[in-house]
Amino acid sequence: MPTIATEGFRFSNVVKQELWPELGYTRTVVTVNEATAKSYVVGTLLGKVTASGKYKIAVQTAADGSQNAAGIVLQEQAIAATTDTKVLALTRGPAAVSKLGLVLDASYDLAAEKDLVYSQLEALGIMVQDTI
C-alpha cells in the first residue's frame, strides 16, 4: 500500500504542561550556531556553549558546555552551517515534557547519561515524565 502522508513530530508529543503558555513564560527565542547544517525537529535537546552563550544540539561527549541540557526545540527548523539562527525553545519551567518526545543525540546511549540529562532539565524546572 502506498504512503499517503507522513507526519513529523508535534509540539504535543513533547510538552505536556507549561505555566502560562499564552504568555510564553517558559519559552525563549535562542541563538543557535552549528558547525554543519542540521535539521531541528520538535523535541531536540539543546546545550549551551559556555564561551559564546549560543545553543547547539547537546552531545554527551562535548567539552564546551553544550553537553549539559539547556533547552528543548519547540518548532521544526533548518539550521545553516556556521550561521546564527533564532530558534524557539523551552528553556525553563514550570513545565512537564514526555521522555518519549525528547530527541537526544545518539551519544546519550546509556541509561545513566539519559538520567543525567533528565536531572539537568529538572534543575531548569522542566519535569521529565514517562508519559506518551
Protein backbone atom coordinates (compact mmCIF):
# COMPACT_ATOMS: atom_id res chain seq x y z
CA MET A 1 0.00 0.00 0.00
CA PRO A 2 1.47 3.39 -0.93
CA THR A 3 2.16 6.00 1.72
CA ILE A 4 -0.35 8.82 1.56
CA ALA A 5 1.24 11.14 4.08
CA THR A 6 3.83 11.22 6.79
CA GLU A 7 3.66 13.23 9.95
CA GLY A 8 6.56 14.83 11.80
CA PHE A 9 7.00 15.46 15.47
CA ARG A 10 4.35 17.59 17.14
CA PHE A 11 4.61 20.04 19.99
CA SER A 12 2.02 18.00 21.94
CA ASN A 13 4.23 14.90 21.72
CA VAL A 14 6.83 16.70 23.82
CA VAL A 15 5.27 19.39 26.01
CA LYS A 16 2.58 18.07 28.32
CA GLN A 17 2.16 21.11 30.58
CA GLU A 18 3.65 24.55 30.92
CA LEU A 19 2.99 27.62 33.00
CA TRP A 20 1.18 30.42 31.16
CA PRO A 21 1.55 29.08 27.61
CA GLU A 22 -0.43 32.07 26.32
CA LEU A 23 2.35 34.36 27.61
CA GLY A 24 5.26 32.19 26.52
CA TYR A 25 6.69 32.29 30.05
CA THR A 26 8.69 29.07 29.65
CA ARG A 27 9.74 29.74 26.05
CA THR A 28 12.71 31.72 24.79
CA VAL A 29 13.98 32.58 21.34
CA VAL A 30 17.60 31.43 21.48
CA THR A 31 20.50 31.81 19.07
CA VAL A 32 21.90 28.55 17.75
CA ASN A 33 25.08 28.01 15.78
CA GLU A 34 26.08 24.62 14.41
CA ALA A 35 29.37 23.68 12.69
CA THR A 36 27.44 21.80 9.99
CA ALA A 37 23.93 22.17 8.61
CA LYS A 38 21.30 20.50 10.80
CA SER A 39 17.57 19.92 10.80
CA TYR A 40 15.99 20.54 14.16
CA VAL A 41 12.79 18.68 14.97
CA VAL A 42 10.42 19.35 17.85
CA GLY A 43 11.91 17.81 20.99
CA THR A 44 15.59 18.15 20.04
CA LEU A 45 17.72 18.62 23.16
CA LEU A 46 19.91 21.73 23.11
CA GLY A 47 23.02 22.55 25.11
CA LYS A 48 24.51 26.00 25.69
CA VAL A 49 28.11 26.76 24.75
CA THR A 50 29.69 28.42 27.79
CA ALA A 51 32.05 30.75 25.89
CA SER A 52 29.55 32.17 23.37
CA GLY A 53 26.19 31.72 25.11
CA LYS A 54 24.84 30.20 21.88
CA TYR A 55 22.98 26.92 21.74
CA LYS A 56 23.52 23.78 19.67
CA ILE A 57 22.44 20.15 19.76
CA ALA A 58 23.57 18.68 23.06
CA VAL A 59 26.19 15.96 22.59
CA GLN A 60 27.30 13.91 25.59
CA THR A 61 30.98 13.95 24.55
CA ALA A 62 31.21 17.75 24.08
CA ALA A 63 33.53 19.73 26.34
CA ASP A 64 32.32 23.28 25.61
CA GLY A 65 29.31 23.31 27.96
CA SER A 66 26.86 22.11 25.31
CA GLN A 67 26.88 18.61 26.81
CA ASN A 68 24.55 19.94 29.51
CA ALA A 69 20.82 20.17 28.78
CA ALA A 70 19.76 23.81 28.41
CA GLY A 71 16.62 23.72 26.28
CA ILE A 72 14.25 21.80 24.03
CA VAL A 73 13.40 22.81 20.45
CA LEU A 74 9.69 23.67 20.01
CA GLN A 75 9.45 24.00 16.21
CA GLU A 76 10.96 22.32 13.17
CA GLN A 77 13.68 24.37 11.59
CA ALA A 78 16.60 24.00 9.20
CA ILE A 79 19.87 25.38 10.56
CA ALA A 80 22.57 26.54 8.15
CA ALA A 81 26.21 25.77 8.94
CA THR A 82 28.13 28.37 10.99
CA THR A 83 25.22 30.81 10.87
CA ASP A 84 23.50 32.34 13.89
CA THR A 85 19.85 31.30 13.71
CA LYS A 86 16.96 32.11 16.03
CA VAL A 87 15.03 29.10 17.38
CA LEU A 88 12.09 28.85 19.76
CA ALA A 89 12.99 26.67 22.75
CA LEU A 90 11.60 25.59 26.09
CA THR A 91 14.31 26.83 28.45
CA ARG A 92 12.68 26.97 31.88
CA GLY A 93 9.79 25.72 33.89
CA PRO A 94 7.47 25.13 35.37
CA ALA A 95 6.80 22.69 32.56
CA ALA A 96 6.41 18.97 32.02
CA VAL A 97 7.67 17.05 28.99
CA SER A 98 7.45 13.45 27.83
CA LYS A 99 10.62 11.35 27.80
CA LEU A 100 9.41 9.70 24.61
CA GLY A 101 9.08 13.08 22.90
CA LEU A 102 12.66 14.14 23.57
CA VAL A 103 15.16 13.75 20.74
CA LEU A 104 18.58 13.04 22.24
CA ASP A 105 21.82 12.77 20.30
CA ALA A 106 22.99 9.17 19.77
CA SER A 107 25.92 9.82 22.15
CA TYR A 108 23.44 9.61 25.04
CA ASP A 109 23.26 5.83 24.77
CA LEU A 110 23.50 4.74 28.40
CA ALA A 111 20.68 4.94 30.94
CA ALA A 112 22.92 6.87 33.36
CA GLU A 113 23.67 9.50 30.68
CA LYS A 114 19.98 9.90 29.92
CA ASP A 115 19.16 10.15 33.63
CA LEU A 116 21.74 12.94 33.94
CA VAL A 117 20.05 14.84 31.08
CA TYR A 118 16.65 14.42 32.73
CA SER A 119 18.01 15.73 36.04
CA GLN A 120 19.57 18.73 34.25
CA LEU A 121 16.19 19.54 32.71
CA GLU A 122 14.52 19.17 36.10
CA ALA A 123 17.04 21.65 37.54
CA LEU A 124 15.63 24.12 34.97
CA GLY A 125 12.12 23.42 36.27
CA ILE A 126 11.26 21.12 33.34
CA MET A 127 9.85 17.88 34.75
CA VAL A 128 10.52 14.82 32.56
CA GLN A 129 7.68 12.30 32.67
CA ASP A 130 7.22 8.74 31.40
CA THR A 131 4.02 9.78 29.57
CA ILE A 132 3.15 9.21 25.94
